[in-house]
Amino acid sequence: MSAIFKKANTAVITGGASGIGLALARRCAGCGMRVLVADWDAAALEGLASDGISTIRADVSRVEDWEGVRERVVREFGGQINLLALNAGVSVPTSFTAGSGTDPAAFRKVVDANLFGVVNGVAALLPLIREPAAAAAEGDSYQAAVVITGSKQGITNPPGNPAYNASKAAVKAVAEQLSFELRGTAGVSVHLLVPGWTWTRLAGAASGMQRPAPGAGPWSPEQVVEFLEAKMRERKFWVLCPDNDVTEEMDQKRMLWSADDAVKGRPPLSRWRDEFKDEFAAWMARDL
């Protein structure tokens, strides 16, 4: 068990009323941790009382809502945060050319939730993590972690939803910068959670689509949390989750191919261009 997941520790989880956030909240509560879930879905929040989880309705894109979250943490947890999971996110269909063309409001909605939901959370709550870390004596067992949920779409940038991809690319950059800036803070780690296909409302569960048979297609949110905990135990920044269709090696090859577009002067998103179809297939068939 990671040193974070233990009795008397605390967790603040955004987007914790469903999907991966809910699985993480239940994992924390099951370890005896005190948990505060922030989410916009009031109906889903009501269902968490039976799990012994505290809740607050909050829009992560609003700074003033984060003030309320911070007040609850101070009042109920004495300001203690051992796990800050910035997991809330939205996806809205966007395009520059399809339909009526570019919709700035749609882009703004996605960026406000996915990017500023992280930035606002760090601004409001990171001081509550840094202060005890700075005060801890040498050899103290204080441990805290910041988990930020990104996306493979923010790394390989597949065509189809530029707003979501851009927001998650920015989230990746923010997480990397935060990890670097906290590199000298003993007892505090930063992790970028990059799920594979996971059966959540954002990735098929809300569409009425039938869930694939066990062992095929998506992971469950609980599998993602188990993988996250293992990587946290190893103090790994990158938590690149596979799923039942895509292996870790396949992900690594796809990411290397995308990075090589710039290095080798290929046009962007070459993986999805017809003229590179055979070359990409040959690359995927090679051993790393």
C-alpha atoms as a PDB file:
ATOM      1  CA  MET A   1       0.000   0.000   0.000  1.00  0.00           C
ATOM      2  CA  SER A   2       1.212   3.499  -0.844  1.00  0.00           C
ATOM      3  CA  ALA A   3       2.032   5.601   2.224  1.00  0.00           C
ATOM      4  CA  ILE A   4      -0.756   7.941   1.100  1.00  0.00           C
ATOM      5  CA  PHE A   5      -3.537   5.362   1.357  1.00  0.00           C
ATOM      6  CA  LYS A   6      -3.779   4.833   5.094  1.00  0.00           C
ATOM      7  CA  LYS A   7      -6.065   5.540   8.016  1.00  0.00           C
ATOM      8  CA  ALA A   8      -6.292   9.153   9.252  1.00  0.00           C
ATOM      9  CA  ASN A   9      -4.885  10.573   6.032  1.00  0.00           C
ATOM     10  CA  THR A  10      -7.072  12.860   3.948  1.00  0.00           C
ATOM     11  CA  ALA A  11      -8.027  13.164   0.296  1.00  0.00           C
ATOM     12  CA  VAL A  12      -9.617  15.902  -1.798  1.00  0.00           C
ATOM     13  CA  ILE A  13     -10.872  14.622  -5.150  1.00  0.00           C
ATOM     14  CA  THR A  14     -12.492  16.654  -7.926  1.00  0.00           C
ATOM     15  CA  GLY A  15     -14.808  14.921 -10.352  1.00  0.00           C
ATOM     16  CA  GLY A  16     -15.148  12.301  -7.644  1.00  0.00           C
ATOM     17  CA  ALA A  17     -18.851  11.535  -7.991  1.00  0.00           C
ATOM     18  CA  SER A  18     -18.393   9.171 -10.943  1.00  0.00           C
ATOM     19  CA  GLY A  19     -15.869   7.213 -12.964  1.00  0.00           C
ATOM     20  CA  ILE A  20     -12.213   7.161 -11.972  1.00  0.00           C
ATOM     21  CA  GLY A  21     -12.728   9.861  -9.347  1.00  0.00           C
ATOM     22  CA  LEU A  22     -15.437   7.827  -7.631  1.00  0.00           C
ATOM     23  CA  ALA A  23     -13.318   4.673  -7.682  1.00  0.00           C
ATOM     24  CA  LEU A  24     -10.452   6.631  -6.143  1.00  0.00           C
ATOM     25  CA  ALA A  25     -12.720   8.161  -3.486  1.00  0.00           C
ATOM     26  CA  ARG A  26     -14.013   4.727  -2.497  1.00  0.00           C
ATOM     27  CA  ARG A  27     -10.491   3.329  -2.405  1.00  0.00           C
ATOM     28  CA  CYS A  28      -9.431   6.122  -0.067  1.00  0.00           C
ATOM     29  CA  ALA A  29     -12.488   5.722   2.159  1.00  0.00           C
ATOM     30  CA  GLY A  30     -11.909   1.969   2.269  1.00  0.00           C
ATOM     31  CA  CYS A  31      -8.423   2.626   3.660  1.00  0.00           C
ATOM     32  CA  GLY A  32      -9.872   4.702   6.482  1.00  0.00           C
ATOM     33  CA  MET A  33      -9.002   8.052   4.936  1.00  0.00           C
ATOM     34  CA  ARG A  34     -11.192  11.113   5.343  1.00  0.00           C
ATOM     35  CA  VAL A  35     -12.397  12.104   1.891  1.00  0.00           C
ATOM     36  CA  LEU A  36     -13.905  15.261   0.428  1.00  0.00           C
ATOM     37  CA  VAL A  37     -15.306  14.974  -3.099  1.00  0.00           C
ATOM     38  CA  ALA A  38     -15.951  18.109  -5.156  1.00  0.00           C
ATOM     39  CA  ASP A  39     -18.230  17.678  -8.139  1.00  0.00           C
ATOM     40  CA  TRP A  40     -20.890  19.592 -10.070  1.00  0.00           C
ATOM     41  CA  ASP A  41     -23.345  16.677 -10.252  1.00  0.00           C
ATOM     42  CA  ALA A  42     -25.564  17.209  -7.210  1.00  0.00           C
ATOM     43  CA  ALA A  43     -27.543  13.989  -7.703  1.00  0.00           C
ATOM     44  CA  ALA A  44     -24.391  11.876  -7.917  1.00  0.00           C
ATOM     45  CA  LEU A  45     -22.956  13.570  -4.823  1.00  0.00           C
ATOM     46  CA  GLU A  46     -25.979  12.563  -2.776  1.00  0.00           C
ATOM     47  CA  GLY A  47     -25.159   8.918  -3.345  1.00  0.00           C
ATOM     48  CA  LEU A  48     -21.771   9.178  -1.632  1.00  0.00           C
ATOM     49  CA  ALA A  49     -23.091   9.623   1.909  1.00  0.00           C
ATOM     50  CA  SER A  50     -23.449   5.840   2.308  1.00  0.00           C
ATOM     51  CA  ASP A  51     -19.717   5.502   1.612  1.00  0.00           C
ATOM     52  CA  GLY A  52     -18.825   7.867   4.454  1.00  0.00           C
ATOM     53  CA  ILE A  53     -17.521  10.454   2.002  1.00  0.00           C
ATOM     54  CA  SER A  54     -17.972  14.198   2.498  1.00  0.00           C
ATOM     55  CA  THR A  55     -19.070  16.176  -0.534  1.00  0.00           C
ATOM     56  CA  ILE A  56     -19.275  19.709  -1.853  1.00  0.00           C
ATOM     57  CA  ARG A  57     -20.894  20.914  -5.062  1.00  0.00           C
ATOM     58  CA  ALA A  58     -18.341  22.987  -6.921  1.00  0.00           C
ATOM     59  CA  ASP A  59     -17.557  24.222 -10.406  1.00  0.00           C
ATOM     60  CA  VAL A  60     -13.789  23.742 -10.670  1.00  0.00           C
ATOM     61  CA  SER A  61     -13.527  26.512 -13.273  1.00  0.00           C
ATOM     62  CA  ARG A  62     -14.671  29.103 -10.690  1.00  0.00           C
ATOM     63  CA  VAL A  63     -12.098  30.512  -8.261  1.00  0.00           C
ATOM     64  CA  GLU A  64     -14.828  31.380  -5.761  1.00  0.00           C
ATOM     65  CA  ASP A  65     -15.970  27.755  -5.610  1.00  0.00           C
ATOM     66  CA  TRP A  66     -12.435  26.729  -4.711  1.00  0.00           C
ATOM     67  CA  GLU A  67     -12.567  29.128  -1.776  1.00  0.00           C
ATOM     68  CA  GLY A  68     -15.461  27.047  -0.472  1.00  0.00           C
ATOM     69  CA  VAL A  69     -13.504  23.827  -0.959  1.00  0.00           C
ATOM     70  CA  ARG A  70     -10.552  25.257   0.938  1.00  0.00           C
ATOM     71  CA  GLU A  71     -12.797  26.377   3.797  1.00  0.00           C
ATOM     72  CA  ARG A  72     -14.212  22.855   4.107  1.00  0.00           C
ATOM     73  CA  VAL A  73     -10.720  21.341   4.164  1.00  0.00           C
ATOM     74  CA  VAL A  74      -9.628  23.711   6.909  1.00  0.00           C
ATOM     75  CA  ARG A  75     -12.789  23.205   8.946  1.00  0.00           C
ATOM     76  CA  GLU A  76     -13.169  19.432   8.589  1.00  0.00           C
ATOM     77  CA  PHE A  77      -9.596  18.226   8.060  1.00  0.00           C
ATOM     78  CA  GLY A  78      -7.713  20.880  10.011  1.00  0.00           C
ATOM     79  CA  GLY A  79      -6.156  21.956   6.721  1.00  0.00           C
ATOM     80  CA  GLN A  80      -4.536  18.554   6.187  1.00  0.00           C
ATOM     81  CA  ILE A  81      -4.321  17.181   2.636  1.00  0.00           C
ATOM     82  CA  ASN A  82      -2.402  14.003   1.907  1.00  0.00           C
ATOM     83  CA  LEU A  83      -3.904  13.396  -1.521  1.00  0.00           C
ATOM     84  CA  LEU A  84      -5.077  16.097  -3.891  1.00  0.00           C
ATOM     85  CA  ALA A  85      -6.582  14.518  -7.004  1.00  0.00           C
ATOM     86  CA  LEU A  86      -7.453  17.067  -9.687  1.00  0.00           C
ATOM     87  CA  ASN A  87      -9.551  14.800 -11.824  1.00  0.00           C
ATOM     88  CA  ALA A  88     -12.596  16.770 -13.006  1.00  0.00           C
ATOM     89  CA  GLY A  89     -12.972  17.134 -16.744  1.00  0.00           C
ATOM     90  CA  VAL A  90     -15.438  17.686 -19.565  1.00  0.00           C
ATOM     91  CA  SER A  91     -15.505  17.007 -23.275  1.00  0.00           C
ATOM     92  CA  VAL A  92     -17.533  18.982 -25.811  1.00  0.00           C
ATOM     93  CA  PRO A  93     -17.390  18.212 -29.558  1.00  0.00           C
ATOM     94  CA  THR A  94     -15.277  20.830 -31.329  1.00  0.00           C
ATOM     95  CA  SER A  95     -13.932  21.379 -34.822  1.00  0.00           C
ATOM     96  CA  PHE A  96     -12.572  24.201 -36.936  1.00  0.00           C
ATOM     97  CA  THR A  97     -14.450  23.193 -40.090  1.00  0.00           C
ATOM     98  CA  ALA A  98     -17.275  20.747 -39.308  1.00  0.00           C
ATOM     99  CA  GLY A  99     -20.831  21.975 -38.841  1.00  0.00           C
ATOM    100  CA  SER A 100     -20.926  25.723 -38.304  1.00  0.00           C
ATOM    101  CA  GLY A 101     -17.164  25.895 -37.786  1.00  0.00           C
ATOM    102  CA  THR A 102     -15.171  27.067 -34.804  1.00  0.00           C
ATOM    103  CA  ASP A 103     -17.172  27.706 -31.629  1.00  0.00           C
ATOM    104  CA  PRO A 104     -15.037  29.742 -29.194  1.00  0.00           C
ATOM    105  CA  ALA A 105     -17.573  29.187 -26.404  1.00  0.00           C
ATOM    106  CA  ALA A 106     -17.135  25.427 -26.665  1.00  0.00           C
ATOM    107  CA  PHE A 107     -13.356  25.780 -26.567  1.00  0.00           C
ATOM    108  CA  ARG A 108     -13.609  28.044 -23.542  1.00  0.00           C
ATOM    109  CA  LYS A 109     -15.895  25.659 -21.663  1.00  0.00           C
ATOM    110  CA  VAL A 110     -13.470  22.767 -22.117  1.00  0.00           C
ATOM    111  CA  VAL A 111     -10.353  24.766 -21.258  1.00  0.00           C
ATOM    112  CA  ASP A 112     -12.004  26.396 -18.230  1.00  0.00           C
ATOM    113  CA  ALA A 113     -12.910  23.017 -16.729  1.00  0.00           C
ATOM    114  CA  ASN A 114      -9.969  20.871 -17.791  1.00  0.00           C
ATOM    115  CA  LEU A 115      -7.087  23.334 -17.494  1.00  0.00           C
ATOM    116  CA  PHE A 116      -8.267  25.974 -15.051  1.00  0.00           C
ATOM    117  CA  GLY A 117      -9.878  23.288 -12.922  1.00  0.00           C
ATOM    118  CA  VAL A 118      -6.303  22.128 -12.294  1.00  0.00           C
ATOM    119  CA  VAL A 119      -4.729  25.583 -12.015  1.00  0.00           C
ATOM    120  CA  ASN A 120      -7.416  26.803  -9.620  1.00  0.00           C
ATOM    121  CA  GLY A 121      -7.065  23.700  -7.477  1.00  0.00           C
ATOM    122  CA  VAL A 122      -3.305  24.070  -7.238  1.00  0.00           C
ATOM    123  CA  ALA A 123      -3.638  27.761  -6.377  1.00  0.00           C
ATOM    124  CA  ALA A 124      -6.209  27.118  -3.650  1.00  0.00           C
ATOM    125  CA  LEU A 125      -4.855  23.981  -1.999  1.00  0.00           C
ATOM    126  CA  LEU A 126      -1.152  23.536  -2.727  1.00  0.00           C
ATOM    127  CA  PRO A 127      -0.215  25.874   0.178  1.00  0.00           C
ATOM    128  CA  LEU A 128      -1.964  23.452   2.550  1.00  0.00           C
ATOM    129  CA  ILE A 129       0.344  20.712   1.253  1.00  0.00           C
ATOM    130  CA  ARG A 130       3.563  22.719   1.166  1.00  0.00           C
ATOM    131  CA  GLU A 131       3.282  24.227   4.660  1.00  0.00           C
ATOM    132  CA  PRO A 132       3.421  20.948   6.633  1.00  0.00           C
ATOM    133  CA  ALA A 133       6.054  19.619   4.234  1.00  0.00           C
ATOM    134  CA  ALA A 134       8.255  22.615   4.957  1.00  0.00           C
ATOM    135  CA  ALA A 135       7.669  22.300   8.708  1.00  0.00           C
ATOM    136  CA  ALA A 136       8.336  18.559   8.875  1.00  0.00           C
ATOM    137  CA  ALA A 137      11.507  17.646  10.703  1.00  0.00           C
ATOM    138  CA  GLU A 138      14.164  15.544   9.018  1.00  0.00           C
ATOM    139  CA  GLY A 139      13.089  11.927   9.120  1.00  0.00           C
ATOM    140  CA  ASP A 140       9.423  12.862   9.550  1.00  0.00           C
ATOM    141  CA  SER A 141       7.020  10.486   7.837  1.00  0.00           C
ATOM    142  CA  TYR A 142       4.834  13.226   6.290  1.00  0.00           C
ATOM    143  CA  GLN A 143       3.675  12.201   2.831  1.00  0.00           C
ATOM    144  CA  ALA A 144       1.446  13.991   0.338  1.00  0.00           C
ATOM    145  CA  ALA A 145       0.708  13.591  -3.348  1.00  0.00           C
ATOM    146  CA  VAL A 146      -0.876  15.613  -6.123  1.00  0.00           C
ATOM    147  CA  VAL A 147      -2.506  13.515  -8.839  1.00  0.00           C
ATOM    148  CA  ILE A 148      -3.535  15.310 -12.021  1.00  0.00           C
ATOM    149  CA  THR A 149      -5.644  13.504 -14.608  1.00  0.00           C
ATOM    150  CA  GLY A 150      -4.439  14.006 -18.149  1.00  0.00           C
ATOM    151  CA  SER A 151      -5.198  12.108 -21.353  1.00  0.00           C
ATOM    152  CA  LYS A 152      -3.381  10.292 -24.124  1.00  0.00           C
ATOM    153  CA  GLN A 153      -5.147  12.753 -26.410  1.00  0.00           C
ATOM    154  CA  GLY A 154      -3.019  15.462 -24.829  1.00  0.00           C
ATOM    155  CA  ILE A 155       0.130  13.568 -25.873  1.00  0.00           C
ATOM    156  CA  THR A 156      -0.573  12.045 -29.300  1.00  0.00           C
ATOM    157  CA  ASN A 157      -3.218  14.625 -30.349  1.00  0.00           C
ATOM    158  CA  PRO A 158      -5.514  12.460 -32.515  1.00  0.00           C
ATOM    159  CA  PRO A 159      -7.775  14.358 -34.934  1.00  0.00           C
ATOM    160  CA  GLY A 160     -11.379  14.974 -33.975  1.00  0.00           C
ATOM    161  CA  ASN A 161     -11.587  17.171 -30.880  1.00  0.00           C
ATOM    162  CA  PRO A 162      -9.051  20.014 -30.831  1.00  0.00           C
ATOM    163  CA  ALA A 163     -10.397  21.715 -27.697  1.00  0.00           C
ATOM    164  CA  TYR A 164     -10.152  18.602 -25.547  1.00  0.00           C
ATOM    165  CA  ASN A 165      -6.725  17.697 -26.914  1.00  0.00           C
ATOM    166  CA  ALA A 166      -5.406  21.222 -26.357  1.00  0.00           C
ATOM    167  CA  SER A 167      -6.726  21.334 -22.810  1.00  0.00           C
ATOM    168  CA  LYS A 168      -5.101  18.029 -21.907  1.00  0.00           C
ATOM    169  CA  ALA A 169      -1.822  18.986 -23.581  1.00  0.00           C
ATOM    170  CA  ALA A 170      -1.820  22.063 -21.361  1.00  0.00           C
ATOM    171  CA  VAL A 171      -2.634  19.931 -18.307  1.00  0.00           C
ATOM    172  CA  LYS A 172       0.381  17.753 -19.099  1.00  0.00           C
ATOM    173  CA  ALA A 173       2.602  20.850 -19.268  1.00  0.00           C
ATOM    174  CA  VAL A 174       1.228  22.153 -15.963  1.00  0.00           C
ATOM    175  CA  ALA A 175       1.800  18.808 -14.237  1.00  0.00           C
ATOM    176  CA  GLU A 176       5.376  18.610 -15.533  1.00  0.00           C
ATOM    177  CA  GLN A 177       6.128  22.137 -14.341  1.00  0.00           C
ATOM    178  CA  LEU A 178       4.564  21.470 -10.930  1.00  0.00           C
ATOM    179  CA  SER A 179       6.609  18.306 -10.509  1.00  0.00           C
ATOM    180  CA  PHE A 180       9.782  20.205 -11.354  1.00  0.00           C
ATOM    181  CA  GLU A 181       9.035  23.069  -8.985  1.00  0.00           C
ATOM    182  CA  LEU A 182       8.315  20.663  -6.113  1.00  0.00           C
ATOM    183  CA  ARG A 183      11.353  18.474  -6.787  1.00  0.00           C
ATOM    184  CA  GLY A 184      13.089  19.657  -3.609  1.00  0.00           C
ATOM    185  CA  THR A 185      10.039  19.338  -1.356  1.00  0.00           C
ATOM    186  CA  ALA A 186      10.556  16.250   0.762  1.00  0.00           C
ATOM    187  CA  GLY A 187       7.569  13.965   1.133  1.00  0.00           C
ATOM    188  CA  VAL A 188       5.528  15.510  -1.701  1.00  0.00           C
ATOM    189  CA  SER A 189       5.111  13.839  -5.081  1.00  0.00           C
ATOM    190  CA  VAL A 190       3.285  14.751  -8.293  1.00  0.00           C
ATOM    191  CA  HIS A 191       1.752  12.199 -10.638  1.00  0.00           C
ATOM    192  CA  LEU A 192       0.200  12.598 -14.084  1.00  0.00           C
ATOM    193  CA  LEU A 193      -2.549  10.002 -14.453  1.00  0.00           C
ATOM    194  CA  VAL A 194      -3.056   9.179 -18.132  1.00  0.00           C
ATOM    195  CA  PRO A 195      -5.872   6.628 -18.409  1.00  0.00           C
ATOM    196  CA  GLY A 196      -6.340   4.307 -21.331  1.00  0.00           C
ATOM    197  CA  TRP A 197      -9.825   3.473 -22.499  1.00  0.00           C
ATOM    198  CA  THR A 198     -11.797   3.364 -19.250  1.00  0.00           C
ATOM    199  CA  TRP A 199     -15.499   2.622 -18.879  1.00  0.00           C
ATOM    200  CA  THR A 200     -16.708   6.025 -17.672  1.00  0.00           C
ATOM    201  CA  ARG A 201     -19.381   8.466 -18.756  1.00  0.00           C
ATOM    202  CA  LEU A 202     -16.743  10.437 -20.672  1.00  0.00           C
ATOM    203  CA  ALA A 203     -15.671   7.393 -22.678  1.00  0.00           C
ATOM    204  CA  GLY A 204     -18.777   5.479 -23.626  1.00  0.00           C
ATOM    205  CA  ALA A 205     -20.685   4.531 -20.479  1.00  0.00           C
ATOM    206  CA  ALA A 206     -23.114   7.455 -20.818  1.00  0.00           C
ATOM    207  CA  SER A 207     -23.871   6.886 -24.495  1.00  0.00           C
ATOM    208  CA  GLY A 208     -26.045   3.807 -24.143  1.00  0.00           C
ATOM    209  CA  MET A 209     -23.315   1.733 -25.763  1.00  0.00           C
ATOM    210  CA  GLN A 210     -23.141  -1.826 -24.460  1.00  0.00           C
ATOM    211  CA  ARG A 211     -20.095  -2.453 -22.323  1.00  0.00           C
ATOM    212  CA  PRO A 212     -17.661  -4.924 -23.884  1.00  0.00           C
ATOM    213  CA  ALA A 213     -17.248  -8.297 -22.220  1.00  0.00           C
ATOM    214  CA  PRO A 214     -14.848  -8.522 -19.259  1.00  0.00           C
ATOM    215  CA  GLY A 215     -11.249  -8.732 -20.430  1.00  0.00           C
ATOM    216  CA  ALA A 216     -11.979  -6.896 -23.683  1.00  0.00           C
ATOM    217  CA  GLY A 217     -11.897  -3.207 -24.498  1.00  0.00           C
ATOM    218  CA  PRO A 218     -11.871  -0.761 -21.601  1.00  0.00           C
ATOM    219  CA  TRP A 219     -10.516  -1.085 -18.101  1.00  0.00           C
ATOM    220  CA  SER A 220     -12.791  -0.441 -15.178  1.00  0.00           C
ATOM    221  CA  PRO A 221     -12.185   2.694 -13.090  1.00  0.00           C
ATOM    222  CA  GLU A 222     -11.096   0.404 -10.262  1.00  0.00           C
ATOM    223  CA  GLN A 223      -8.352  -1.080 -12.433  1.00  0.00           C
ATOM    224  CA  VAL A 224      -7.087   2.426 -13.196  1.00  0.00           C
ATOM    225  CA  VAL A 225      -6.963   3.263  -9.486  1.00  0.00           C
ATOM    226  CA  GLU A 226      -5.088   0.045  -8.724  1.00  0.00           C
ATOM    227  CA  PHE A 227      -2.538   0.891 -11.429  1.00  0.00           C
ATOM    228  CA  LEU A 228      -2.254   4.455 -10.106  1.00  0.00           C
ATOM    229  CA  GLU A 229      -1.580   3.275  -6.583  1.00  0.00           C
ATOM    230  CA  ALA A 230       1.186   0.960  -7.783  1.00  0.00           C
ATOM    231  CA  LYS A 231       2.889   3.800  -9.675  1.00  0.00           C
ATOM    232  CA  MET A 232       2.510   6.124  -6.686  1.00  0.00           C
ATOM    233  CA  ARG A 233       4.204   3.518  -4.534  1.00  0.00           C
ATOM    234  CA  GLU A 234       7.109   3.639  -6.997  1.00  0.00           C
ATOM    235  CA  ARG A 235       6.960   7.457  -6.926  1.00  0.00           C
ATOM    236  CA  LYS A 236       6.556   7.575 -10.704  1.00  0.00           C
ATOM    237  CA  PHE A 237       5.375  10.827 -12.279  1.00  0.00           C
ATOM    238  CA  TRP A 238       4.042   9.126 -15.415  1.00  0.00           C
ATOM    239  CA  VAL A 239       1.047   6.862 -14.833  1.00  0.00           C
ATOM    240  CA  LEU A 240       0.416   5.707 -18.416  1.00  0.00           C
ATOM    241  CA  CYS A 241      -2.392   3.191 -18.156  1.00  0.00           C
ATOM    242  CA  PRO A 242      -2.906   0.437 -20.695  1.00  0.00           C
ATOM    243  CA  ASP A 243      -6.305  -1.154 -21.247  1.00  0.00           C
ATOM    244  CA  ASN A 244      -7.514  -4.494 -22.553  1.00  0.00           C
ATOM    245  CA  ASP A 245      -6.885  -3.510 -26.186  1.00  0.00           C
ATOM    246  CA  VAL A 246      -3.794  -1.303 -25.952  1.00  0.00           C
ATOM    247  CA  THR A 247      -0.568  -2.414 -24.268  1.00  0.00           C
ATOM    248  CA  GLU A 248       2.037  -0.168 -22.670  1.00  0.00           C
ATOM    249  CA  GLU A 249       4.406  -0.894 -25.574  1.00  0.00           C
ATOM    250  CA  MET A 250       1.777   0.148 -28.113  1.00  0.00           C
ATOM    251  CA  ASP A 251       1.309   3.441 -26.270  1.00  0.00           C
ATOM    252  CA  GLN A 252       5.050   4.026 -26.139  1.00  0.00           C
ATOM    253  CA  LYS A 253       5.389   3.448 -29.883  1.00  0.00           C
ATOM    254  CA  ARG A 254       2.498   5.792 -30.663  1.00  0.00           C
ATOM    255  CA  MET A 255       3.987   8.524 -28.475  1.00  0.00           C
ATOM    256  CA  LEU A 256       7.433   8.146 -30.009  1.00  0.00           C
ATOM    257  CA  TRP A 257       5.942   8.333 -33.505  1.00  0.00           C
ATOM    258  CA  SER A 258       4.090  11.547 -32.628  1.00  0.00           C
ATOM    259  CA  ALA A 259       7.219  13.149 -31.151  1.00  0.00           C
ATOM    260  CA  ASP A 260       9.150  12.225 -34.287  1.00  0.00           C
ATOM    261  CA  ASP A 261       6.811  14.266 -36.504  1.00  0.00           C
ATOM    262  CA  ALA A 262       8.757  17.364 -35.473  1.00  0.00           C
ATOM    263  CA  VAL A 263      12.159  15.674 -35.327  1.00  0.00           C
ATOM    264  CA  LYS A 264      11.834  14.130 -38.785  1.00  0.00           C
ATOM    265  CA  GLY A 265       9.960  16.970 -40.430  1.00  0.00           C
ATOM    266  CA  ARG A 266       6.810  15.012 -41.115  1.00  0.00           C
ATOM    267  CA  PRO A 267       3.483  16.863 -41.363  1.00  0.00           C
ATOM    268  CA  PRO A 268       1.552  16.991 -38.075  1.00  0.00           C
ATOM    269  CA  LEU A 269      -0.647  14.053 -37.122  1.00  0.00           C
ATOM    270  CA  SER A 270       1.136  11.932 -39.715  1.00  0.00           C
ATOM    271  CA  ARG A 271      -0.066   8.770 -38.005  1.00  0.00           C
ATOM    272  CA  TRP A 272      -3.542   9.422 -39.382  1.00  0.00           C
ATOM    273  CA  ARG A 273      -2.499  10.514 -42.902  1.00  0.00           C
ATOM    274  CA  ASP A 274      -2.935   8.058 -45.758  1.00  0.00           C
ATOM    275  CA  GLU A 275       0.552   8.644 -47.140  1.00  0.00           C
ATOM    276  CA  PHE A 276       2.129   7.420 -43.864  1.00  0.00           C
ATOM    277  CA  LYS A 277      -0.227   4.489 -43.260  1.00  0.00           C
ATOM    278  CA  ASP A 278       2.236   1.774 -44.296  1.00  0.00           C
ATOM    279  CA  GLU A 279       5.223   3.397 -42.605  1.00  0.00           C
ATOM    280  CA  PHE A 280       3.305   3.736 -39.329  1.00  0.00           C
ATOM    281  CA  ALA A 281       2.139   0.116 -39.505  1.00  0.00           C
ATOM    282  CA  ALA A 282       5.742  -1.015 -40.011  1.00  0.00           C
ATOM    283  CA  TRP A 283       6.829   1.104 -37.035  1.00  0.00           C
ATOM    284  CA  MET A 284       4.189  -0.463 -34.808  1.00  0.00           C
ATOM    285  CA  ALA A 285       5.340  -3.951 -35.849  1.00  0.00           C
ATOM    286  CA  ARG A 286       8.945  -3.276 -34.758  1.00  0.00           C
ATOM    287  CA  ASP A 287      10.371  -4.022 -31.343  1.00  0.00           C
ATOM    288  CA  LEU A 288      11.324  -1.018 -29.246  1.00  0.00           C
END
